[in-house]
Amino acid sequence: MSTPRRRAPVHIQQQEPEPHQRPTAPQPDAWTRPHDQPMAPTHPPEPLPLEPLLVRVEEAARILSLSRSTIYEMMDAGELPSVRRGTARRIPVAALRAWVARQTGG
């Protein structure tokens, strides 16, 4: 059995990186700030909550501080419009606001 031959070490010359590959110091941009200025908030403001367009009879009663049966009476009399989807009955929030405006003279 023969002993394996040792290879001579290969020396690779380090080449200077191309100018577009050279590491550069960070450039100031929108995310950096001078140290003497206070840090601005980095998160966007919270989105405003969406207001529902329609509410259940129970919710309308709570909003207007009336009983459920009074709300049903108002809907039956045509004083308060409602939307039906199958057996579900919903009241537009705009109708609640309009009713309050009519009641207060505004």
PDB file of N, CA and C in Angstrom:
ATOM      1  N   MET A   1       0.831  -1.153   0.000  1.00  0.00           N
ATOM      2  CA  MET A   1       0.000   0.000   0.000  1.00  0.00           C
ATOM      3  C   MET A   1       0.891   1.237   0.000  1.00  0.00           C
ATOM      4  N   SER A   2       0.522   2.143  -0.854  1.00  0.00           N
ATOM      5  CA  SER A   2       1.361   3.329  -0.959  1.00  0.00           C
ATOM      6  C   SER A   2       0.771   4.454  -0.112  1.00  0.00           C
ATOM      7  N   THR A   3       1.626   5.284   0.350  1.00  0.00           N
ATOM      8  CA  THR A   3       1.168   6.405   1.172  1.00  0.00           C
ATOM      9  C   THR A   3       0.619   7.493   0.251  1.00  0.00           C
ATOM     10  N   PRO A   4      -0.441   8.111   0.670  1.00  0.00           N
ATOM     11  CA  PRO A   4      -1.012   9.160  -0.188  1.00  0.00           C
ATOM     12  C   PRO A   4      -0.047  10.330  -0.305  1.00  0.00           C
ATOM     13  N   ARG A   5      -0.054  10.882  -1.468  1.00  0.00           N
ATOM     14  CA  ARG A   5       0.840  12.022  -1.710  1.00  0.00           C
ATOM     15  C   ARG A   5       0.226  13.281  -1.125  1.00  0.00           C
ATOM     16  N   ARG A   6       1.037  14.035  -0.525  1.00  0.00           N
ATOM     17  CA  ARG A   6       0.592  15.299   0.035  1.00  0.00           C
ATOM     18  C   ARG A   6       0.611  16.346  -1.047  1.00  0.00           C
ATOM     19  N   ARG A   7      -0.442  17.111  -1.040  1.00  0.00           N
ATOM     20  CA  ARG A   7      -0.499  18.189  -2.019  1.00  0.00           C
ATOM     21  C   ARG A   7       0.181  19.424  -1.443  1.00  0.00           C
ATOM     22  N   ALA A   8       0.753  20.157  -2.301  1.00  0.00           N
ATOM     23  CA  ALA A   8       1.377  21.405  -1.873  1.00  0.00           C
ATOM     24  C   ALA A   8       0.276  22.412  -1.585  1.00  0.00           C
ATOM     25  N   PRO A   9       0.438  23.207  -0.531  1.00  0.00           N
ATOM     26  CA  PRO A   9      -0.595  24.192  -0.225  1.00  0.00           C
ATOM     27  C   PRO A   9      -0.732  25.198  -1.360  1.00  0.00           C
ATOM     28  N   VAL A  10      -1.967  25.516  -1.622  1.00  0.00           N
ATOM     29  CA  VAL A  10      -2.253  26.484  -2.679  1.00  0.00           C
ATOM     30  C   VAL A  10      -2.496  27.827  -2.017  1.00  0.00           C
ATOM     31  N   HIS A  11      -1.799  28.811  -2.483  1.00  0.00           N
ATOM     32  CA  HIS A  11      -1.960  30.157  -1.943  1.00  0.00           C
ATOM     33  C   HIS A  11      -2.830  30.957  -2.905  1.00  0.00           C
ATOM     34  N   ILE A  12      -3.921  31.460  -2.367  1.00  0.00           N
ATOM     35  CA  ILE A  12      -4.810  32.273  -3.178  1.00  0.00           C
ATOM     36  C   ILE A  12      -4.626  33.709  -2.743  1.00  0.00           C
ATOM     37  N   GLN A  13      -4.382  34.534  -3.705  1.00  0.00           N
ATOM     38  CA  GLN A  13      -4.197  35.939  -3.381  1.00  0.00           C
ATOM     39  C   GLN A  13      -5.557  36.578  -3.152  1.00  0.00           C
ATOM     40  N   GLN A  14      -5.644  37.346  -2.095  1.00  0.00           N
ATOM     41  CA  GLN A  14      -6.854  38.091  -1.827  1.00  0.00           C
ATOM     42  C   GLN A  14      -6.896  39.275  -2.778  1.00  0.00           C
ATOM     43  N   GLN A  15      -7.985  39.350  -3.523  1.00  0.00           N
ATOM     44  CA  GLN A  15      -8.123  40.470  -4.442  1.00  0.00           C
ATOM     45  C   GLN A  15      -8.897  41.576  -3.746  1.00  0.00           C
ATOM     46  N   GLU A  16      -8.542  42.789  -4.119  1.00  0.00           N
ATOM     47  CA  GLU A  16      -9.253  43.952  -3.596  1.00  0.00           C
ATOM     48  C   GLU A  16     -10.677  43.900  -4.141  1.00  0.00           C
ATOM     49  N   PRO A  17     -11.702  44.088  -3.283  1.00  0.00           N
ATOM     50  CA  PRO A  17     -13.062  44.053  -3.805  1.00  0.00           C
ATOM     51  C   PRO A  17     -13.296  45.189  -4.795  1.00  0.00           C
ATOM     52  N   GLU A  18     -14.168  44.934  -5.709  1.00  0.00           N
ATOM     53  CA  GLU A  18     -14.519  45.957  -6.691  1.00  0.00           C
ATOM     54  C   GLU A  18     -15.126  47.153  -5.955  1.00  0.00           C
ATOM     55  N   PRO A  19     -15.073  48.330  -6.537  1.00  0.00           N
ATOM     56  CA  PRO A  19     -15.597  49.502  -5.830  1.00  0.00           C
ATOM     57  C   PRO A  19     -17.062  49.350  -5.423  1.00  0.00           C
ATOM     58  N   HIS A  20     -17.865  48.690  -6.228  1.00  0.00           N
ATOM     59  CA  HIS A  20     -19.264  48.540  -5.864  1.00  0.00           C
ATOM     60  C   HIS A  20     -19.469  47.486  -4.782  1.00  0.00           C
ATOM     61  N   GLN A  21     -18.427  46.731  -4.439  1.00  0.00           N
ATOM     62  CA  GLN A  21     -18.536  45.706  -3.412  1.00  0.00           C
ATOM     63  C   GLN A  21     -17.894  46.124  -2.098  1.00  0.00           C
ATOM     64  N   ARG A  22     -17.201  47.262  -2.092  1.00  0.00           N
ATOM     65  CA  ARG A  22     -16.528  47.690  -0.873  1.00  0.00           C
ATOM     66  C   ARG A  22     -17.555  48.060   0.187  1.00  0.00           C
ATOM     67  N   PRO A  23     -17.295  47.652   1.422  1.00  0.00           N
ATOM     68  CA  PRO A  23     -18.206  48.072   2.486  1.00  0.00           C
ATOM     69  C   PRO A  23     -18.080  49.579   2.686  1.00  0.00           C
ATOM     70  N   THR A  24     -19.207  50.214   2.881  1.00  0.00           N
ATOM     71  CA  THR A  24     -19.204  51.659   3.068  1.00  0.00           C
ATOM     72  C   THR A  24     -19.838  51.989   4.409  1.00  0.00           C
ATOM     73  N   ALA A  25     -19.558  53.161   4.869  1.00  0.00           N
ATOM     74  CA  ALA A  25     -20.170  53.628   6.117  1.00  0.00           C
ATOM     75  C   ALA A  25     -21.650  53.873   5.847  1.00  0.00           C
ATOM     76  N   PRO A  26     -22.492  53.654   6.832  1.00  0.00           N
ATOM     77  CA  PRO A  26     -23.915  53.876   6.611  1.00  0.00           C
ATOM     78  C   PRO A  26     -24.185  55.334   6.262  1.00  0.00           C
ATOM     79  N   GLN A  27     -25.024  55.513   5.270  1.00  0.00           N
ATOM     80  CA  GLN A  27     -25.393  56.850   4.835  1.00  0.00           C
ATOM     81  C   GLN A  27     -26.632  57.280   5.619  1.00  0.00           C
ATOM     82  N   PRO A  28     -26.712  58.564   5.991  1.00  0.00           N
ATOM     83  CA  PRO A  28     -27.913  59.000   6.696  1.00  0.00           C
ATOM     84  C   PRO A  28     -29.128  58.899   5.789  1.00  0.00           C
ATOM     85  N   ASP A  29     -30.218  58.438   6.350  1.00  0.00           N
ATOM     86  CA  ASP A  29     -31.459  58.340   5.589  1.00  0.00           C
ATOM     87  C   ASP A  29     -32.610  58.605   6.554  1.00  0.00           C
ATOM     88  N   ALA A  30     -33.802  58.254   6.149  1.00  0.00           N
ATOM     89  CA  ALA A  30     -34.977  58.544   6.952  1.00  0.00           C
ATOM     90  C   ALA A  30     -34.984  57.788   8.281  1.00  0.00           C
ATOM     91  N   TRP A  31     -34.230  56.706   8.389  1.00  0.00           N
ATOM     92  CA  TRP A  31     -34.268  55.884   9.603  1.00  0.00           C
ATOM     93  C   TRP A  31     -33.198  56.264  10.614  1.00  0.00           C
ATOM     94  N   THR A  32     -32.274  57.141  10.235  1.00  0.00           N
ATOM     95  CA  THR A  32     -31.237  57.542  11.188  1.00  0.00           C
ATOM     96  C   THR A  32     -31.537  58.951  11.658  1.00  0.00           C
ATOM     97  N   ARG A  33     -30.974  59.299  12.791  1.00  0.00           N
ATOM     98  CA  ARG A  33     -31.191  60.630  13.340  1.00  0.00           C
ATOM     99  C   ARG A  33     -29.936  61.049  14.074  1.00  0.00           C
ATOM    100  N   PRO A  34     -29.687  62.337  14.141  1.00  0.00           N
ATOM    101  CA  PRO A  34     -28.575  62.789  14.980  1.00  0.00           C
ATOM    102  C   PRO A  34     -28.880  62.462  16.441  1.00  0.00           C
ATOM    103  N   HIS A  35     -27.854  62.238  17.221  1.00  0.00           N
ATOM    104  CA  HIS A  35     -28.038  61.812  18.612  1.00  0.00           C
ATOM    105  C   HIS A  35     -28.602  62.904  19.507  1.00  0.00           C
ATOM    106  N   ASP A  36     -28.538  64.154  19.068  1.00  0.00           N
ATOM    107  CA  ASP A  36     -29.052  65.221  19.911  1.00  0.00           C
ATOM    108  C   ASP A  36     -30.539  65.495  19.674  1.00  0.00           C
ATOM    109  N   GLN A  37     -31.174  64.746  18.768  1.00  0.00           N
ATOM    110  CA  GLN A  37     -32.603  64.924  18.519  1.00  0.00           C
ATOM    111  C   GLN A  37     -33.382  63.777  19.151  1.00  0.00           C
ATOM    112  N   PRO A  38     -34.590  64.074  19.669  1.00  0.00           N
ATOM    113  CA  PRO A  38     -35.387  62.992  20.255  1.00  0.00           C
ATOM    114  C   PRO A  38     -35.848  62.020  19.182  1.00  0.00           C
ATOM    115  N   MET A  39     -36.031  60.785  19.603  1.00  0.00           N
ATOM    116  CA  MET A  39     -36.445  59.746  18.663  1.00  0.00           C
ATOM    117  C   MET A  39     -37.941  59.881  18.379  1.00  0.00           C
ATOM    118  N   ALA A  40     -38.292  59.839  17.111  1.00  0.00           N
ATOM    119  CA  ALA A  40     -39.697  59.907  16.707  1.00  0.00           C
ATOM    120  C   ALA A  40     -40.311  58.521  16.818  1.00  0.00           C
ATOM    121  N   PRO A  41     -41.632  58.423  16.993  1.00  0.00           N
ATOM    122  CA  PRO A  41     -42.256  57.092  17.047  1.00  0.00           C
ATOM    123  C   PRO A  41     -42.029  56.347  15.738  1.00  0.00           C
ATOM    124  N   THR A  42     -41.791  55.060  15.853  1.00  0.00           N
ATOM    125  CA  THR A  42     -41.482  54.270  14.665  1.00  0.00           C
ATOM    126  C   THR A  42     -42.662  53.466  14.174  1.00  0.00           C
ATOM    127  N   HIS A  43     -43.765  53.465  14.896  1.00  0.00           N
ATOM    128  CA  HIS A  43     -44.920  52.675  14.472  1.00  0.00           C
ATOM    129  C   HIS A  43     -46.010  53.613  13.951  1.00  0.00           C
ATOM    130  N   PRO A  44     -46.798  53.145  12.992  1.00  0.00           N
ATOM    131  CA  PRO A  44     -47.872  53.994  12.462  1.00  0.00           C
ATOM    132  C   PRO A  44     -48.980  54.156  13.496  1.00  0.00           C
ATOM    133  N   PRO A  45     -49.758  55.227  13.391  1.00  0.00           N
ATOM    134  CA  PRO A  45     -50.853  55.395  14.348  1.00  0.00           C
ATOM    135  C   PRO A  45     -51.889  54.301  14.185  1.00  0.00           C
ATOM    136  N   GLU A  46     -52.581  54.012  15.280  1.00  0.00           N
ATOM    137  CA  GLU A  46     -53.618  52.979  15.257  1.00  0.00           C
ATOM    138  C   GLU A  46     -54.764  53.424  14.350  1.00  0.00           C
ATOM    139  N   PRO A  47     -55.296  52.507  13.539  1.00  0.00           N
ATOM    140  CA  PRO A  47     -56.445  52.894  12.715  1.00  0.00           C
ATOM    141  C   PRO A  47     -57.674  53.130  13.591  1.00  0.00           C
ATOM    142  N   LEU A  48     -58.521  54.028  13.134  1.00  0.00           N
ATOM    143  CA  LEU A  48     -59.743  54.308  13.886  1.00  0.00           C
ATOM    144  C   LEU A  48     -60.682  53.120  13.795  1.00  0.00           C
ATOM    145  N   PRO A  49     -61.374  52.803  14.881  1.00  0.00           N
ATOM    146  CA  PRO A  49     -62.301  51.668  14.824  1.00  0.00           C
ATOM    147  C   PRO A  49     -63.476  51.991  13.906  1.00  0.00           C
ATOM    148  N   LEU A  50     -63.936  50.979  13.206  1.00  0.00           N
ATOM    149  CA  LEU A  50     -65.078  51.154  12.315  1.00  0.00           C
ATOM    150  C   LEU A  50     -66.372  51.119  13.113  1.00  0.00           C
ATOM    151  N   GLU A  51     -67.260  52.018  12.785  1.00  0.00           N
ATOM    152  CA  GLU A  51     -68.563  52.030  13.435  1.00  0.00           C
ATOM    153  C   GLU A  51     -69.492  51.136  12.628  1.00  0.00           C
ATOM    154  N   PRO A  52     -70.284  50.303  13.294  1.00  0.00           N
ATOM    155  CA  PRO A  52     -71.191  49.434  12.532  1.00  0.00           C
ATOM    156  C   PRO A  52     -72.257  50.274  11.824  1.00  0.00           C
ATOM    157  N   LEU A  53     -72.719  49.778  10.692  1.00  0.00           N
ATOM    158  CA  LEU A  53     -73.779  50.450   9.949  1.00  0.00           C
ATOM    159  C   LEU A  53     -75.151  50.045  10.462  1.00  0.00           C
ATOM    160  N   LEU A  54     -75.258  48.808  10.913  1.00  0.00           N
ATOM    161  CA  LEU A  54     -76.527  48.267  11.412  1.00  0.00           C
ATOM    162  C   LEU A  54     -76.313  47.707  12.817  1.00  0.00           C
ATOM    163  N   VAL A  55     -77.347  47.805  13.646  1.00  0.00           N
ATOM    164  CA  VAL A  55     -77.279  47.234  14.999  1.00  0.00           C
ATOM    165  C   VAL A  55     -78.516  46.388  15.256  1.00  0.00           C
ATOM    166  N   ARG A  56     -78.392  45.438  16.172  1.00  0.00           N
ATOM    167  CA  ARG A  56     -79.533  44.608  16.570  1.00  0.00           C
ATOM    168  C   ARG A  56     -80.507  45.441  17.393  1.00  0.00           C
ATOM    169  N   VAL A  57     -81.703  44.940  17.550  1.00  0.00           N
ATOM    170  CA  VAL A  57     -82.736  45.649  18.320  1.00  0.00           C
ATOM    171  C   VAL A  57     -82.252  45.883  19.745  1.00  0.00           C
ATOM    172  N   GLU A  58     -81.619  44.878  20.344  1.00  0.00           N
ATOM    173  CA  GLU A  58     -81.121  45.007  21.717  1.00  0.00           C
ATOM    174  C   GLU A  58     -80.085  46.119  21.822  1.00  0.00           C
ATOM    175  N   GLU A  59     -79.205  46.204  20.821  1.00  0.00           N
ATOM    176  CA  GLU A  59     -78.186  47.258  20.835  1.00  0.00           C
ATOM    177  C   GLU A  59     -78.819  48.637  20.673  1.00  0.00           C
ATOM    178  N   ALA A  60     -79.822  48.735  19.778  1.00  0.00           N
ATOM    179  CA  ALA A  60     -80.513  50.011  19.584  1.00  0.00           C
ATOM    180  C   ALA A  60     -81.193  50.444  20.875  1.00  0.00           C
ATOM    181  N   ALA A  61     -81.802  49.500  21.583  1.00  0.00           N
ATOM    182  CA  ALA A  61     -82.459  49.809  22.850  1.00  0.00           C
ATOM    183  C   ALA A  61     -81.444  50.331  23.865  1.00  0.00           C
ATOM    184  N   ARG A  62     -80.286  49.700  23.909  1.00  0.00           N
ATOM    185  CA  ARG A  62     -79.237  50.141  24.842  1.00  0.00           C
ATOM    186  C   ARG A  62     -78.739  51.534  24.456  1.00  0.00           C
ATOM    187  N   ILE A  63     -78.510  51.764  23.148  1.00  0.00           N
ATOM    188  CA  ILE A  63     -77.997  53.054  22.680  1.00  0.00           C
ATOM    189  C   ILE A  63     -78.972  54.186  23.009  1.00  0.00           C
ATOM    190  N   LEU A  64     -80.263  53.942  22.802  1.00  0.00           N
ATOM    191  CA  LEU A  64     -81.271  54.985  23.036  1.00  0.00           C
ATOM    192  C   LEU A  64     -81.810  54.993  24.463  1.00  0.00           C
ATOM    193  N   SER A  65     -81.347  54.064  25.269  1.00  0.00           N
ATOM    194  CA  SER A  65     -81.836  53.921  26.655  1.00  0.00           C
ATOM    195  C   SER A  65     -83.344  53.703  26.684  1.00  0.00           C
ATOM    196  N   LEU A  66     -83.809  52.851  25.800  1.00  0.00           N
ATOM    197  CA  LEU A  66     -85.218  52.474  25.734  1.00  0.00           C
ATOM    198  C   LEU A  66     -85.323  50.966  25.879  1.00  0.00           C
ATOM    199  N   SER A  67     -86.542  50.477  26.068  1.00  0.00           N
ATOM    200  CA  SER A  67     -86.720  49.027  26.178  1.00  0.00           C
ATOM    201  C   SER A  67     -86.774  48.410  24.776  1.00  0.00           C
ATOM    202  N   ARG A  68     -86.549  47.124  24.752  1.00  0.00           N
ATOM    203  CA  ARG A  68     -86.637  46.380  23.490  1.00  0.00           C
ATOM    204  C   ARG A  68     -88.029  46.490  22.880  1.00  0.00           C
ATOM    205  N   SER A  69     -89.049  46.370  23.710  1.00  0.00           N
ATOM    206  CA  SER A  69     -90.421  46.424  23.196  1.00  0.00           C
ATOM    207  C   SER A  69     -90.742  47.811  22.637  1.00  0.00           C
ATOM    208  N   THR A  70     -90.198  48.855  23.227  1.00  0.00           N
ATOM    209  CA  THR A  70     -90.405  50.207  22.702  1.00  0.00           C
ATOM    210  C   THR A  70     -89.774  50.339  21.314  1.00  0.00           C
ATOM    211  N   ILE A  71     -88.612  49.752  21.131  1.00  0.00           N
ATOM    212  CA  ILE A  71     -87.945  49.793  19.816  1.00  0.00           C
ATOM    213  C   ILE A  71     -88.810  49.066  18.794  1.00  0.00           C
ATOM    214  N   TYR A  72     -89.344  47.897  19.156  1.00  0.00           N
ATOM    215  CA  TYR A  72     -90.218  47.164  18.230  1.00  0.00           C
ATOM    216  C   TYR A  72     -91.476  47.988  17.901  1.00  0.00           C
ATOM    217  N   GLU A  73     -92.042  48.651  18.892  1.00  0.00           N
ATOM    218  CA  GLU A  73     -93.216  49.499  18.652  1.00  0.00           C
ATOM    219  C   GLU A  73     -92.873  50.636  17.691  1.00  0.00           C
ATOM    220  N   MET A  74     -91.713  51.241  17.869  1.00  0.00           N
ATOM    221  CA  MET A  74     -91.274  52.335  16.991  1.00  0.00           C
ATOM    222  C   MET A  74     -91.081  51.835  15.558  1.00  0.00           C
ATOM    223  N   MET A  75     -90.536  50.636  15.416  1.00  0.00           N
ATOM    224  CA  MET A  75     -90.343  50.072  14.068  1.00  0.00           C
ATOM    225  C   MET A  75     -91.693  49.756  13.435  1.00  0.00           C
ATOM    226  N   ASP A  76     -92.618  49.166  14.205  1.00  0.00           N
ATOM    227  CA  ASP A  76     -93.945  48.822  13.677  1.00  0.00           C
ATOM    228  C   ASP A  76     -94.729  50.067  13.268  1.00  0.00           C
ATOM    229  N   ALA A  77     -94.541  51.180  13.992  1.00  0.00           N
ATOM    230  CA  ALA A  77     -95.242  52.427  13.690  1.00  0.00           C
ATOM    231  C   ALA A  77     -94.574  53.189  12.541  1.00  0.00           C
ATOM    232  N   GLY A  78     -93.400  52.724  12.080  1.00  0.00           N
ATOM    233  CA  GLY A  78     -92.686  53.415  11.000  1.00  0.00           C
ATOM    234  C   GLY A  78     -91.858  54.588  11.487  1.00  0.00           C
ATOM    235  N   GLU A  79     -91.763  54.746  12.785  1.00  0.00           N
ATOM    236  CA  GLU A  79     -90.987  55.845  13.373  1.00  0.00           C
ATOM    237  C   GLU A  79     -89.480  55.579  13.273  1.00  0.00           C
ATOM    238  N   LEU A  80     -89.125  54.311  13.247  1.00  0.00           N
ATOM    239  CA  LEU A  80     -87.715  53.911  13.196  1.00  0.00           C
ATOM    240  C   LEU A  80     -87.563  52.867  12.093  1.00  0.00           C
ATOM    241  N   PRO A  81     -86.860  53.186  11.004  1.00  0.00           N
ATOM    242  CA  PRO A  81     -86.718  52.212   9.924  1.00  0.00           C
ATOM    243  C   PRO A  81     -85.822  51.045  10.332  1.00  0.00           C
ATOM    244  N   SER A  82     -86.058  49.909   9.696  1.00  0.00           N
ATOM    245  CA  SER A  82     -85.241  48.724   9.980  1.00  0.00           C
ATOM    246  C   SER A  82     -85.036  47.938   8.694  1.00  0.00           C
ATOM    247  N   VAL A  83     -84.084  47.046   8.743  1.00  0.00           N
ATOM    248  CA  VAL A  83     -83.750  46.182   7.612  1.00  0.00           C
ATOM    249  C   VAL A  83     -83.987  44.747   8.052  1.00  0.00           C
ATOM    250  N   ARG A  84     -84.636  43.965   7.192  1.00  0.00           N
ATOM    251  CA  ARG A  84     -84.852  42.544   7.505  1.00  0.00           C
ATOM    252  C   ARG A  84     -83.994  41.687   6.592  1.00  0.00           C
ATOM    253  N   ARG A  85     -83.426  40.668   7.170  1.00  0.00           N
ATOM    254  CA  ARG A  85     -82.692  39.638   6.422  1.00  0.00           C
ATOM    255  C   ARG A  85     -83.129  38.327   7.034  1.00  0.00           C
ATOM    256  N   GLY A  86     -84.061  37.667   6.382  1.00  0.00           N
ATOM    257  CA  GLY A  86     -84.650  36.470   6.969  1.00  0.00           C
ATOM    258  C   GLY A  86     -85.461  36.881   8.178  1.00  0.00           C
ATOM    259  N   THR A  87     -85.160  36.265   9.316  1.00  0.00           N
ATOM    260  CA  THR A  87     -85.865  36.644  10.543  1.00  0.00           C
ATOM    261  C   THR A  87     -85.104  37.712  11.324  1.00  0.00           C
ATOM    262  N   ALA A  88     -83.894  38.022  10.892  1.00  0.00           N
ATOM    263  CA  ALA A  88     -83.087  39.020  11.602  1.00  0.00           C
ATOM    264  C   ALA A  88     -83.555  40.424  11.246  1.00  0.00           C
ATOM    265  N   ARG A  89     -83.618  41.268  12.234  1.00  0.00           N
ATOM    266  CA  ARG A  89     -84.006  42.657  12.035  1.00  0.00           C
ATOM    267  C   ARG A  89     -82.880  43.537  12.550  1.00  0.00           C
ATOM    268  N   ARG A  90     -82.433  44.446  11.697  1.00  0.00           N
ATOM    269  CA  ARG A  90     -81.345  45.350  12.063  1.00  0.00           C
ATOM    270  C   ARG A  90     -81.801  46.788  11.837  1.00  0.00           C
ATOM    271  N   ILE A  91     -81.244  47.691  12.640  1.00  0.00           N
ATOM    272  CA  ILE A  91     -81.591  49.099  12.563  1.00  0.00           C
ATOM    273  C   ILE A  91     -80.347  49.879  12.138  1.00  0.00           C
ATOM    274  N   PRO A  92     -80.455  50.714  11.101  1.00  0.00           N
ATOM    275  CA  PRO A  92     -79.299  51.523  10.695  1.00  0.00           C
ATOM    276  C   PRO A  92     -78.911  52.517  11.803  1.00  0.00           C
ATOM    277  N   VAL A  93     -77.629  52.643  12.042  1.00  0.00           N
ATOM    278  CA  VAL A  93     -77.130  53.589  13.044  1.00  0.00           C
ATOM    279  C   VAL A  93     -77.524  55.005  12.634  1.00  0.00           C
ATOM    280  N   ALA A  94     -77.501  55.278  11.326  1.00  0.00           N
ATOM    281  CA  ALA A  94     -77.893  56.605  10.840  1.00  0.00           C
ATOM    282  C   ALA A  94     -79.347  56.911  11.216  1.00  0.00           C
ATOM    283  N   ALA A  95     -80.216  55.889  11.217  1.00  0.00           N
ATOM    284  CA  ALA A  95     -81.615  56.088  11.598  1.00  0.00           C
ATOM    285  C   ALA A  95     -81.726  56.427  13.082  1.00  0.00           C
ATOM    286  N   LEU A  96     -80.868  55.825  13.900  1.00  0.00           N
ATOM    287  CA  LEU A  96     -80.871  56.146  15.332  1.00  0.00           C
ATOM    288  C   LEU A  96     -80.451  57.597  15.544  1.00  0.00           C
ATOM    289  N   ARG A  97     -79.408  58.016  14.822  1.00  0.00           N
ATOM    290  CA  ARG A  97     -78.945  59.406  14.941  1.00  0.00           C
ATOM    291  C   ARG A  97     -80.025  60.378  14.471  1.00  0.00           C
ATOM    292  N   ALA A  98     -80.684  60.042  13.359  1.00  0.00           N
ATOM    293  CA  ALA A  98     -81.750  60.902  12.825  1.00  0.00           C
ATOM    294  C   ALA A  98     -82.905  60.987  13.803  1.00  0.00           C
ATOM    295  N   TRP A  99     -83.269  59.881  14.437  1.00  0.00           N
ATOM    296  CA  TRP A  99     -84.366  59.885  15.416  1.00  0.00           C
ATOM    297  C   TRP A  99     -84.034  60.812  16.577  1.00  0.00           C
ATOM    298  N   VAL A 100     -82.791  60.703  17.069  1.00  0.00           N
ATOM    299  CA  VAL A 100     -82.366  61.564  18.195  1.00  0.00           C
ATOM    300  C   VAL A 100     -82.407  63.020  17.754  1.00  0.00           C
ATOM    301  N   ALA A 101     -81.951  63.320  16.539  1.00  0.00           N
ATOM    302  CA  ALA A 101     -81.970  64.697  16.044  1.00  0.00           C
ATOM    303  C   ALA A 101     -83.398  65.232  15.958  1.00  0.00           C
ATOM    304  N   ARG A 102     -84.320  64.400  15.486  1.00  0.00           N
ATOM    305  CA  ARG A 102     -85.725  64.830  15.411  1.00  0.00           C
ATOM    306  C   ARG A 102     -86.317  65.083  16.802  1.00  0.00           C
ATOM    307  N   GLN A 103     -85.951  64.238  17.747  1.00  0.00           N
ATOM    308  CA  GLN A 103     -86.482  64.364  19.103  1.00  0.00           C
ATOM    309  C   GLN A 103     -85.947  65.605  19.818  1.00  0.00           C
ATOM    310  N   THR A 104     -84.707  65.967  19.501  1.00  0.00           N
ATOM    311  CA  THR A 104     -84.089  67.107  20.194  1.00  0.00           C
ATOM    312  C   THR A 104     -84.225  68.403  19.414  1.00  0.00           C
ATOM    313  N   GLY A 105     -84.872  68.329  18.234  1.00  0.00           N
ATOM    314  CA  GLY A 105     -85.077  69.526  17.436  1.00  0.00           C
ATOM    315  C   GLY A 105     -83.840  69.950  16.660  1.00  0.00           C
ATOM    316  N   GLY A 106     -82.872  69.052  16.543  1.00  0.00           N
ATOM    317  CA  GLY A 106     -81.627  69.418  15.855  1.00  0.00           C
ATOM    318  C   GLY A 106     -81.532  68.811  14.576  1.00  0.00           C
TER     319      GLY A 106
END
